[in-house]
Amino acid sequence: MSYKVYNKNNICILYNNELLDRPEALFETGCQSNADTADTARGSALFFEYRDTELAFKHYYRGGLIGRLVRDTYARLPGSSPRMLAEFRLLNELHKQKLPVPAPVAARCEHGGILSYRGDLVSKRIPDAKTLYQHLCLKPLSTSQWQSIGKTISRFHGANVCHADLNASNILLDAHYHPWLIDFDKSAIRPDGGWKLDNIKRLRRSLDKLKRKTPGMHFCEADWQALLAGYDAPVVSRQPMYAKLGLIVLALLA
C-alpha cells in the first residue's frame, strides 16, 4: 500500500492516498463519531464509518503510573519516530506481507512544541471480530482453533515481527475464527532471537491472569498445548537452540 505525507502547521499525517484525499477530515470525523466502542488492552478503540468503510480510531494514551500524571502526551526523543507514525509504517509493511493485521488508513501526530507530541491511528475495522478473551468468556475454542492461533503467531515470528504486547486482548478472532493481531504500538521487526520465547511467555501470563480474574473463562492446559503444537515447526526450527529448548520447557511446565 502506498501512502503520502500531509504537513500543516504542527500536524503531520501519514495516510493511504488510495482511500483518502483530505486526511484532516478523516480525523475530524473519527473524533466526533464515538457511537461504538470496543475494549482493548489500553483504553478503547472507537469504531465509525467513513465513505462506506468501517474504521477503527485509536488515540494514544499513556499507561502505567505515568499515565496518571500525563494522559496522552509523549516526549520527542532525538532520532526516534512518534509512536503513531511508527505503528502506521509497521502495519503498512505487515499488510504488504499479507500478515493478518488491520489495514492502516492514517496516522496523525500533533506536535506540542519541540519536546512533545500526541496523536491517533485509524485502521480498517475487522468485521465481526472479538478478542480472544471475549471469545473465551463465551465458550471454549476447539483444538484446531487453538492450533490456528499458534500458527498465526508463528507466521509473525517467522517474519521476525516482535509484538510488544502479545496478550489475549490483542488477538482477534473474526466470524470464521481466523486469528488477527492488533495493537502494534512499540512493536518492530527485529533480528532472530530469544524475544520469540518471551512473546509466548507473555501470552501465557496474560491467559493465566485473565483466568484468575474470570473463573468461568474457557481456558485449560490442553488448549495451551494445542496452541504450542500449532506454533511449533515453522519458527522453532529457525530459532537458536536455547530458544527451542525454552519452548520445550515451557510446554512441559506451563
C-alpha atoms as a PDB file:
ATOM      1  CA  MET A   1       0.000   0.000   0.000  1.00  0.00           C
ATOM      2  CA  SER A   2       1.328   3.425  -0.905  1.00  0.00           C
ATOM      3  CA  TYR A   3       0.931   6.371   1.415  1.00  0.00           C
ATOM      4  CA  LYS A   4       1.517  10.097   1.415  1.00  0.00           C
ATOM      5  CA  VAL A   5       2.573  12.663   3.995  1.00  0.00           C
ATOM      6  CA  TYR A   6       0.440  15.672   4.897  1.00  0.00           C
ATOM      7  CA  ASN A   7       2.032  18.531   6.867  1.00  0.00           C
ATOM      8  CA  LYS A   8       0.288  21.664   8.082  1.00  0.00           C
ATOM      9  CA  ASN A   9       1.415  23.854  10.960  1.00  0.00           C
ATOM     10  CA  ASN A  10       2.110  21.445  13.840  1.00  0.00           C
ATOM     11  CA  ILE A  11       0.247  18.481  12.300  1.00  0.00           C
ATOM     12  CA  CYS A  12       1.824  15.576  10.408  1.00  0.00           C
ATOM     13  CA  ILE A  13      -0.402  12.871   8.863  1.00  0.00           C
ATOM     14  CA  LEU A  14       0.614   9.697   7.061  1.00  0.00           C
ATOM     15  CA  TYR A  15      -2.307   8.403   5.016  1.00  0.00           C
ATOM     16  CA  ASN A  16      -3.404   5.869   2.431  1.00  0.00           C
ATOM     17  CA  ASN A  17      -3.820   8.055  -0.639  1.00  0.00           C
ATOM     18  CA  GLU A  18      -5.898   5.361  -2.346  1.00  0.00           C
ATOM     19  CA  LEU A  19      -8.625   5.863   0.264  1.00  0.00           C
ATOM     20  CA  LEU A  20      -8.251   9.490   1.299  1.00  0.00           C
ATOM     21  CA  ASP A  21      -7.899  12.824  -0.415  1.00  0.00           C
ATOM     22  CA  ARG A  22      -8.455  15.055   2.644  1.00  0.00           C
ATOM     23  CA  PRO A  23      -6.853  13.228   5.588  1.00  0.00           C
ATOM     24  CA  GLU A  24      -7.579  16.006   8.082  1.00  0.00           C
ATOM     25  CA  ALA A  25     -11.328  15.491   7.507  1.00  0.00           C
ATOM     26  CA  LEU A  26     -10.996  11.824   8.451  1.00  0.00           C
ATOM     27  CA  PHE A  27      -9.744  12.655  11.938  1.00  0.00           C
ATOM     28  CA  GLU A  28     -12.419  15.247  12.494  1.00  0.00           C
ATOM     29  CA  THR A  29     -14.979  12.523  11.721  1.00  0.00           C
ATOM     30  CA  GLY A  30     -13.218   9.914  13.839  1.00  0.00           C
ATOM     31  CA  CYS A  31     -13.012  12.150  16.880  1.00  0.00           C
ATOM     32  CA  GLN A  32     -16.688  13.039  16.679  1.00  0.00           C
ATOM     33  CA  SER A  33     -18.150   9.588  15.905  1.00  0.00           C
ATOM     34  CA  ASN A  34     -17.880   7.557  19.082  1.00  0.00           C
ATOM     35  CA  ALA A  35     -21.018   5.507  18.628  1.00  0.00           C
ATOM     36  CA  ASP A  36     -19.398   2.095  19.025  1.00  0.00           C
ATOM     37  CA  THR A  37     -16.545   1.357  21.420  1.00  0.00           C
ATOM     38  CA  ALA A  38     -14.508  -1.807  21.963  1.00  0.00           C
ATOM     39  CA  ASP A  39     -12.256  -2.569  24.950  1.00  0.00           C
ATOM     40  CA  THR A  40      -8.597  -3.089  24.174  1.00  0.00           C
ATOM     41  CA  ALA A  41      -5.529  -3.710  26.280  1.00  0.00           C
ATOM     42  CA  ARG A  42      -5.003   0.039  26.652  1.00  0.00           C
ATOM     43  CA  GLY A  43      -8.128   2.170  26.677  1.00  0.00           C
ATOM     44  CA  SER A  44     -10.581   1.786  23.837  1.00  0.00           C
ATOM     45  CA  ALA A  45     -10.954   1.734  20.082  1.00  0.00           C
ATOM     46  CA  LEU A  46     -13.693   3.882  18.577  1.00  0.00           C
ATOM     47  CA  PHE A  47     -15.493   2.460  15.555  1.00  0.00           C
ATOM     48  CA  PHE A  48     -17.024   4.700  12.903  1.00  0.00           C
ATOM     49  CA  GLU A  49     -17.955   4.711   9.225  1.00  0.00           C
ATOM     50  CA  TYR A  50     -16.257   6.912   6.651  1.00  0.00           C
ATOM     51  CA  ARG A  51     -17.201   6.819   2.984  1.00  0.00           C
ATOM     52  CA  ASP A  52     -18.925   3.452   3.398  1.00  0.00           C
ATOM     53  CA  THR A  53     -15.867   1.918   5.076  1.00  0.00           C
ATOM     54  CA  GLU A  54     -15.860   0.671   8.681  1.00  0.00           C
ATOM     55  CA  LEU A  55     -12.853   2.086  10.517  1.00  0.00           C
ATOM     56  CA  ALA A  56     -11.291   1.919  13.974  1.00  0.00           C
ATOM     57  CA  PHE A  57      -9.945   5.060  15.645  1.00  0.00           C
ATOM     58  CA  LYS A  58      -7.289   4.834  18.375  1.00  0.00           C
ATOM     59  CA  HIS A  59      -5.997   7.742  20.420  1.00  0.00           C
ATOM     60  CA  TYR A  60      -2.669   7.105  22.121  1.00  0.00           C
ATOM     61  CA  TYR A  61      -2.858   7.217  25.909  1.00  0.00           C
ATOM     62  CA  ARG A  62      -0.013   6.635  28.312  1.00  0.00           C
ATOM     63  CA  GLY A  63      -0.191   3.551  30.504  1.00  0.00           C
ATOM     64  CA  GLY A  64       1.130   2.653  33.936  1.00  0.00           C
ATOM     65  CA  LEU A  65       1.905   5.058  36.748  1.00  0.00           C
ATOM     66  CA  ILE A  66       2.995   7.890  34.476  1.00  0.00           C
ATOM     67  CA  GLY A  67      -0.361   7.713  32.714  1.00  0.00           C
ATOM     68  CA  ARG A  68      -1.989   9.023  35.899  1.00  0.00           C
ATOM     69  CA  LEU A  69       0.101  12.160  35.635  1.00  0.00           C
ATOM     70  CA  VAL A  70       0.465  12.642  31.871  1.00  0.00           C
ATOM     71  CA  ARG A  71      -2.609  11.389  29.999  1.00  0.00           C
ATOM     72  CA  ASP A  72      -1.685  11.424  26.321  1.00  0.00           C
ATOM     73  CA  THR A  73       1.481  13.461  25.758  1.00  0.00           C
ATOM     74  CA  TYR A  74       4.784  11.854  24.784  1.00  0.00           C
ATOM     75  CA  ALA A  75       8.310  13.222  24.835  1.00  0.00           C
ATOM     76  CA  ARG A  76      10.059  13.699  21.498  1.00  0.00           C
ATOM     77  CA  LEU A  77      13.345  11.835  21.724  1.00  0.00           C
ATOM     78  CA  PRO A  78      16.187  12.547  19.274  1.00  0.00           C
ATOM     79  CA  GLY A  79      16.341  10.012  16.462  1.00  0.00           C
ATOM     80  CA  SER A  80      13.003   8.366  17.325  1.00  0.00           C
ATOM     81  CA  SER A  81       9.760   8.390  15.364  1.00  0.00           C
ATOM     82  CA  PRO A  82       6.440   9.354  17.023  1.00  0.00           C
ATOM     83  CA  ARG A  83       4.695   6.164  18.102  1.00  0.00           C
ATOM     84  CA  MET A  84       1.617   6.511  15.917  1.00  0.00           C
ATOM     85  CA  LEU A  85       3.698   7.159  12.798  1.00  0.00           C
ATOM     86  CA  ALA A  86       5.953   4.193  13.596  1.00  0.00           C
ATOM     87  CA  GLU A  87       2.939   1.916  14.106  1.00  0.00           C
ATOM     88  CA  PHE A  88       1.398   3.085  10.823  1.00  0.00           C
ATOM     89  CA  ARG A  89       4.614   2.293   8.922  1.00  0.00           C
ATOM     90  CA  LEU A  90       4.925  -1.125  10.568  1.00  0.00           C
ATOM     91  CA  LEU A  91       1.282  -2.013   9.840  1.00  0.00           C
ATOM     92  CA  ASN A  92       1.801  -0.905   6.266  1.00  0.00           C
ATOM     93  CA  GLU A  93       4.778  -3.245   5.919  1.00  0.00           C
ATOM     94  CA  LEU A  94       2.987  -6.190   7.559  1.00  0.00           C
ATOM     95  CA  HIS A  95      -0.091  -5.621   5.409  1.00  0.00           C
ATOM     96  CA  LYS A  96       2.098  -5.714   2.295  1.00  0.00           C
ATOM     97  CA  GLN A  97       3.440  -9.064   3.540  1.00  0.00           C
ATOM     98  CA  LYS A  98      -0.192 -10.282   3.767  1.00  0.00           C
ATOM     99  CA  LEU A  99       0.022 -10.909   7.505  1.00  0.00           C
ATOM    100  CA  PRO A 100      -3.337 -10.757   9.321  1.00  0.00           C
ATOM    101  CA  VAL A 101      -3.299  -7.199  10.670  1.00  0.00           C
ATOM    102  CA  PRO A 102      -5.758  -4.321  10.317  1.00  0.00           C
ATOM    103  CA  ALA A 103      -5.056  -2.332   7.144  1.00  0.00           C
ATOM    104  CA  PRO A 104      -3.674   1.082   8.154  1.00  0.00           C
ATOM    105  CA  VAL A 105      -5.568   4.100   6.872  1.00  0.00           C
ATOM    106  CA  ALA A 106      -3.914   7.119   8.504  1.00  0.00           C
ATOM    107  CA  ALA A 107      -1.846   8.273  11.472  1.00  0.00           C
ATOM    108  CA  ARG A 108      -1.840  11.801  12.847  1.00  0.00           C
ATOM    109  CA  CYS A 109       0.863  13.353  15.010  1.00  0.00           C
ATOM    110  CA  GLU A 110       0.268  16.729  16.649  1.00  0.00           C
ATOM    111  CA  HIS A 111       3.454  18.392  17.857  1.00  0.00           C
ATOM    112  CA  GLY A 112       3.183  20.377  21.062  1.00  0.00           C
ATOM    113  CA  GLY A 113       6.281  22.489  20.661  1.00  0.00           C
ATOM    114  CA  ILE A 114       9.724  20.994  20.143  1.00  0.00           C
ATOM    115  CA  LEU A 115       9.634  18.494  23.005  1.00  0.00           C
ATOM    116  CA  SER A 116       6.255  16.728  22.948  1.00  0.00           C
ATOM    117  CA  TYR A 117       3.573  15.207  20.735  1.00  0.00           C
ATOM    118  CA  ARG A 118       0.231  13.391  20.856  1.00  0.00           C
ATOM    119  CA  GLY A 119      -1.678  11.535  18.184  1.00  0.00           C
ATOM    120  CA  ASP A 120      -4.037   8.970  16.712  1.00  0.00           C
ATOM    121  CA  LEU A 121      -4.192   5.996  14.362  1.00  0.00           C
ATOM    122  CA  VAL A 122      -7.026   4.946  12.040  1.00  0.00           C
ATOM    123  CA  SER A 123      -7.209   1.464  10.550  1.00  0.00           C
ATOM    124  CA  LYS A 124      -9.819  -0.635   8.804  1.00  0.00           C
ATOM    125  CA  ARG A 125     -12.151  -2.460  11.157  1.00  0.00           C
ATOM    126  CA  ILE A 126     -12.028  -6.263  11.125  1.00  0.00           C
ATOM    127  CA  PRO A 127     -15.698  -7.205  10.652  1.00  0.00           C
ATOM    128  CA  ASP A 128     -17.476  -9.229  13.348  1.00  0.00           C
ATOM    129  CA  ALA A 129     -14.300  -9.727  15.352  1.00  0.00           C
ATOM    130  CA  LYS A 130     -13.948 -10.279  19.095  1.00  0.00           C
ATOM    131  CA  THR A 131     -10.839 -10.522  21.218  1.00  0.00           C
ATOM    132  CA  LEU A 132      -9.591 -13.942  22.239  1.00  0.00           C
ATOM    133  CA  TYR A 133     -10.533 -13.074  25.808  1.00  0.00           C
ATOM    134  CA  GLN A 134     -14.105 -12.183  24.811  1.00  0.00           C
ATOM    135  CA  HIS A 135     -14.471 -15.470  22.936  1.00  0.00           C
ATOM    136  CA  LEU A 136     -13.157 -17.477  25.885  1.00  0.00           C
ATOM    137  CA  CYS A 137     -15.657 -15.835  28.198  1.00  0.00           C
ATOM    138  CA  LEU A 138     -18.459 -17.148  25.978  1.00  0.00           C
ATOM    139  CA  LYS A 139     -17.439 -20.695  25.070  1.00  0.00           C
ATOM    140  CA  PRO A 140     -14.421 -22.972  24.566  1.00  0.00           C
ATOM    141  CA  LEU A 141     -12.403 -22.944  21.371  1.00  0.00           C
ATOM    142  CA  SER A 142     -11.732 -26.176  19.509  1.00  0.00           C
ATOM    143  CA  THR A 143      -8.302 -27.758  19.303  1.00  0.00           C
ATOM    144  CA  SER A 144      -7.984 -26.706  15.662  1.00  0.00           C
ATOM    145  CA  GLN A 145      -8.869 -23.115  16.550  1.00  0.00           C
ATOM    146  CA  TRP A 146      -6.144 -23.016  19.211  1.00  0.00           C
ATOM    147  CA  GLN A 147      -3.714 -24.501  16.700  1.00  0.00           C
ATOM    148  CA  SER A 148      -4.696 -21.785  14.225  1.00  0.00           C
ATOM    149  CA  ILE A 149      -3.782 -19.133  16.788  1.00  0.00           C
ATOM    150  CA  GLY A 150      -0.398 -20.805  17.287  1.00  0.00           C
ATOM    151  CA  LYS A 151       0.193 -20.951  13.532  1.00  0.00           C
ATOM    152  CA  THR A 152      -0.659 -17.270  13.194  1.00  0.00           C
ATOM    153  CA  ILE A 153       1.827 -16.261  15.895  1.00  0.00           C
ATOM    154  CA  SER A 154       4.358 -18.499  14.141  1.00  0.00           C
ATOM    155  CA  ARG A 155       3.813 -16.596  10.881  1.00  0.00           C
ATOM    156  CA  PHE A 156       4.624 -13.292  12.580  1.00  0.00           C
ATOM    157  CA  HIS A 157       7.677 -14.732  14.303  1.00  0.00           C
ATOM    158  CA  GLY A 158       8.794 -16.249  11.013  1.00  0.00           C
ATOM    159  CA  ALA A 159       8.761 -12.705   9.594  1.00  0.00           C
ATOM    160  CA  ASN A 160      10.727 -11.549  12.689  1.00  0.00           C
ATOM    161  CA  VAL A 161       7.833  -9.402  13.923  1.00  0.00           C
ATOM    162  CA  CYS A 162       8.150  -8.757  17.648  1.00  0.00           C
ATOM    163  CA  HIS A 163       4.765  -7.827  19.112  1.00  0.00           C
ATOM    164  CA  ALA A 164       5.482  -5.675  22.168  1.00  0.00           C
ATOM    165  CA  ASP A 165       2.298  -6.704  23.999  1.00  0.00           C
ATOM    166  CA  LEU A 166       1.098 -10.118  22.849  1.00  0.00           C
ATOM    167  CA  ASN A 167      -1.882 -10.860  25.071  1.00  0.00           C
ATOM    168  CA  ALA A 168      -5.410 -12.243  24.907  1.00  0.00           C
ATOM    169  CA  SER A 169      -6.881  -8.811  24.190  1.00  0.00           C
ATOM    170  CA  ASN A 170      -4.601  -8.145  21.222  1.00  0.00           C
ATOM    171  CA  ILE A 171      -5.561 -11.341  19.389  1.00  0.00           C
ATOM    172  CA  LEU A 172      -8.840 -11.087  17.478  1.00  0.00           C
ATOM    173  CA  LEU A 173     -10.941 -13.874  16.015  1.00  0.00           C
ATOM    174  CA  ASP A 174     -13.287 -12.940  13.200  1.00  0.00           C
ATOM    175  CA  ALA A 175     -16.627 -14.534  12.316  1.00  0.00           C
ATOM    176  CA  HIS A 176     -14.791 -17.509  10.772  1.00  0.00           C
ATOM    177  CA  TYR A 177     -12.426 -17.800  13.766  1.00  0.00           C
ATOM    178  CA  HIS A 178      -9.466 -16.632  11.707  1.00  0.00           C
ATOM    179  CA  PRO A 179      -6.896 -15.006  14.059  1.00  0.00           C
ATOM    180  CA  TRP A 180      -5.627 -11.448  13.658  1.00  0.00           C
ATOM    181  CA  LEU A 181      -3.109  -9.485  15.706  1.00  0.00           C
ATOM    182  CA  ILE A 182      -3.738  -5.857  16.658  1.00  0.00           C
ATOM    183  CA  ASP A 183      -2.087  -3.039  18.643  1.00  0.00           C
ATOM    184  CA  PHE A 184       1.470  -2.892  17.323  1.00  0.00           C
ATOM    185  CA  ASP A 185       2.466   0.135  19.380  1.00  0.00           C
ATOM    186  CA  LYS A 186       6.201  -0.156  20.229  1.00  0.00           C
ATOM    187  CA  SER A 187       6.436  -3.330  18.113  1.00  0.00           C
ATOM    188  CA  ALA A 188       9.136  -3.846  15.488  1.00  0.00           C
ATOM    189  CA  ILE A 189      10.791  -6.177  13.016  1.00  0.00           C
ATOM    190  CA  ARG A 190      13.811  -7.480  14.921  1.00  0.00           C
ATOM    191  CA  PRO A 191      16.687  -9.910  14.339  1.00  0.00           C
ATOM    192  CA  ASP A 192      16.015 -13.515  15.298  1.00  0.00           C
ATOM    193  CA  GLY A 193      16.479 -14.220  18.989  1.00  0.00           C
ATOM    194  CA  GLY A 194      15.077 -15.093  22.395  1.00  0.00           C
ATOM    195  CA  TRP A 195      12.357 -12.458  22.228  1.00  0.00           C
ATOM    196  CA  LYS A 196      10.144 -15.010  20.471  1.00  0.00           C
ATOM    197  CA  LEU A 197      10.087 -17.154  23.587  1.00  0.00           C
ATOM    198  CA  ASP A 198       9.396 -14.017  25.639  1.00  0.00           C
ATOM    199  CA  ASN A 199       6.382 -13.296  23.395  1.00  0.00           C
ATOM    200  CA  ILE A 200       4.970 -16.761  24.030  1.00  0.00           C
ATOM    201  CA  LYS A 201       5.545 -16.488  27.782  1.00  0.00           C
ATOM    202  CA  ARG A 202       3.809 -13.106  27.814  1.00  0.00           C
ATOM    203  CA  LEU A 203       0.728 -14.564  26.148  1.00  0.00           C
ATOM    204  CA  ARG A 204       0.606 -17.420  28.660  1.00  0.00           C
ATOM    205  CA  ARG A 205       0.861 -14.984  31.582  1.00  0.00           C
ATOM    206  CA  SER A 206      -1.986 -12.992  30.063  1.00  0.00           C
ATOM    207  CA  LEU A 207      -4.228 -16.052  29.768  1.00  0.00           C
ATOM    208  CA  ASP A 208      -3.435 -17.200  33.309  1.00  0.00           C
ATOM    209  CA  LYS A 209      -4.087 -13.729  34.730  1.00  0.00           C
ATOM    210  CA  LEU A 210      -7.433 -13.439  32.950  1.00  0.00           C
ATOM    211  CA  LYS A 211      -8.374 -16.949  34.068  1.00  0.00           C
ATOM    212  CA  ARG A 212      -7.806 -15.930  37.703  1.00  0.00           C
ATOM    213  CA  LYS A 213      -9.811 -12.763  37.116  1.00  0.00           C
ATOM    214  CA  THR A 214     -12.625 -14.609  35.308  1.00  0.00           C
ATOM    215  CA  PRO A 215     -13.039 -18.133  36.774  1.00  0.00           C
ATOM    216  CA  GLY A 216     -15.629 -19.071  34.123  1.00  0.00           C
ATOM    217  CA  MET A 217     -13.219 -18.358  31.276  1.00  0.00           C
ATOM    218  CA  HIS A 218     -12.788 -21.383  28.981  1.00  0.00           C
ATOM    219  CA  PHE A 219      -9.040 -21.999  29.055  1.00  0.00           C
ATOM    220  CA  CYS A 220      -7.148 -25.100  30.173  1.00  0.00           C
ATOM    221  CA  GLU A 221      -3.750 -26.726  29.760  1.00  0.00           C
ATOM    222  CA  ALA A 222      -4.898 -28.776  26.755  1.00  0.00           C
ATOM    223  CA  ASP A 223      -5.764 -25.516  24.977  1.00  0.00           C
ATOM    224  CA  TRP A 224      -2.259 -24.186  25.574  1.00  0.00           C
ATOM    225  CA  GLN A 225      -0.671 -27.383  24.304  1.00  0.00           C
ATOM    226  CA  ALA A 226      -2.785 -27.113  21.134  1.00  0.00           C
ATOM    227  CA  LEU A 227      -1.556 -23.540  20.620  1.00  0.00           C
ATOM    228  CA  LEU A 228       2.069 -24.666  21.049  1.00  0.00           C
ATOM    229  CA  ALA A 229       1.504 -27.522  18.622  1.00  0.00           C
ATOM    230  CA  GLY A 230       0.227 -25.058  16.024  1.00  0.00           C
ATOM    231  CA  TYR A 231       3.157 -22.733  16.636  1.00  0.00           C
ATOM    232  CA  ASP A 232       5.832 -25.403  16.668  1.00  0.00           C
ATOM    233  CA  ALA A 233       7.543 -26.329  13.407  1.00  0.00           C
ATOM    234  CA  PRO A 234       7.996 -23.325  11.094  1.00  0.00           C
ATOM    235  CA  VAL A 235       9.542 -20.899  13.578  1.00  0.00           C
ATOM    236  CA  VAL A 236      11.086 -23.015  16.302  1.00  0.00           C
ATOM    237  CA  SER A 237      13.260 -24.827  13.777  1.00  0.00           C
ATOM    238  CA  ARG A 238      14.857 -21.498  12.838  1.00  0.00           C
ATOM    239  CA  GLN A 239      15.430 -20.260  16.364  1.00  0.00           C
ATOM    240  CA  PRO A 240      18.674 -20.576  18.359  1.00  0.00           C
ATOM    241  CA  MET A 241      18.919 -23.805  20.331  1.00  0.00           C
ATOM    242  CA  TYR A 242      18.360 -22.071  23.690  1.00  0.00           C
ATOM    243  CA  ALA A 243      15.057 -20.647  22.436  1.00  0.00           C
ATOM    244  CA  LYS A 244      13.970 -24.039  21.085  1.00  0.00           C
ATOM    245  CA  LEU A 245      14.752 -25.697  24.407  1.00  0.00           C
ATOM    246  CA  GLY A 246      12.950 -22.873  26.201  1.00  0.00           C
ATOM    247  CA  LEU A 247       9.740 -23.583  24.300  1.00  0.00           C
ATOM    248  CA  ILE A 248      10.012 -27.273  25.131  1.00  0.00           C
ATOM    249  CA  VAL A 249      10.455 -26.485  28.822  1.00  0.00           C
ATOM    250  CA  LEU A 250       7.578 -24.009  28.649  1.00  0.00           C
ATOM    251  CA  ALA A 251       5.335 -26.663  27.134  1.00  0.00           C
ATOM    252  CA  LEU A 252       6.225 -29.128  29.917  1.00  0.00           C
ATOM    253  CA  LEU A 253       5.963 -26.727  32.843  1.00  0.00           C
ATOM    254  CA  ALA A 254       3.224 -24.281  31.834  1.00  0.00           C
END
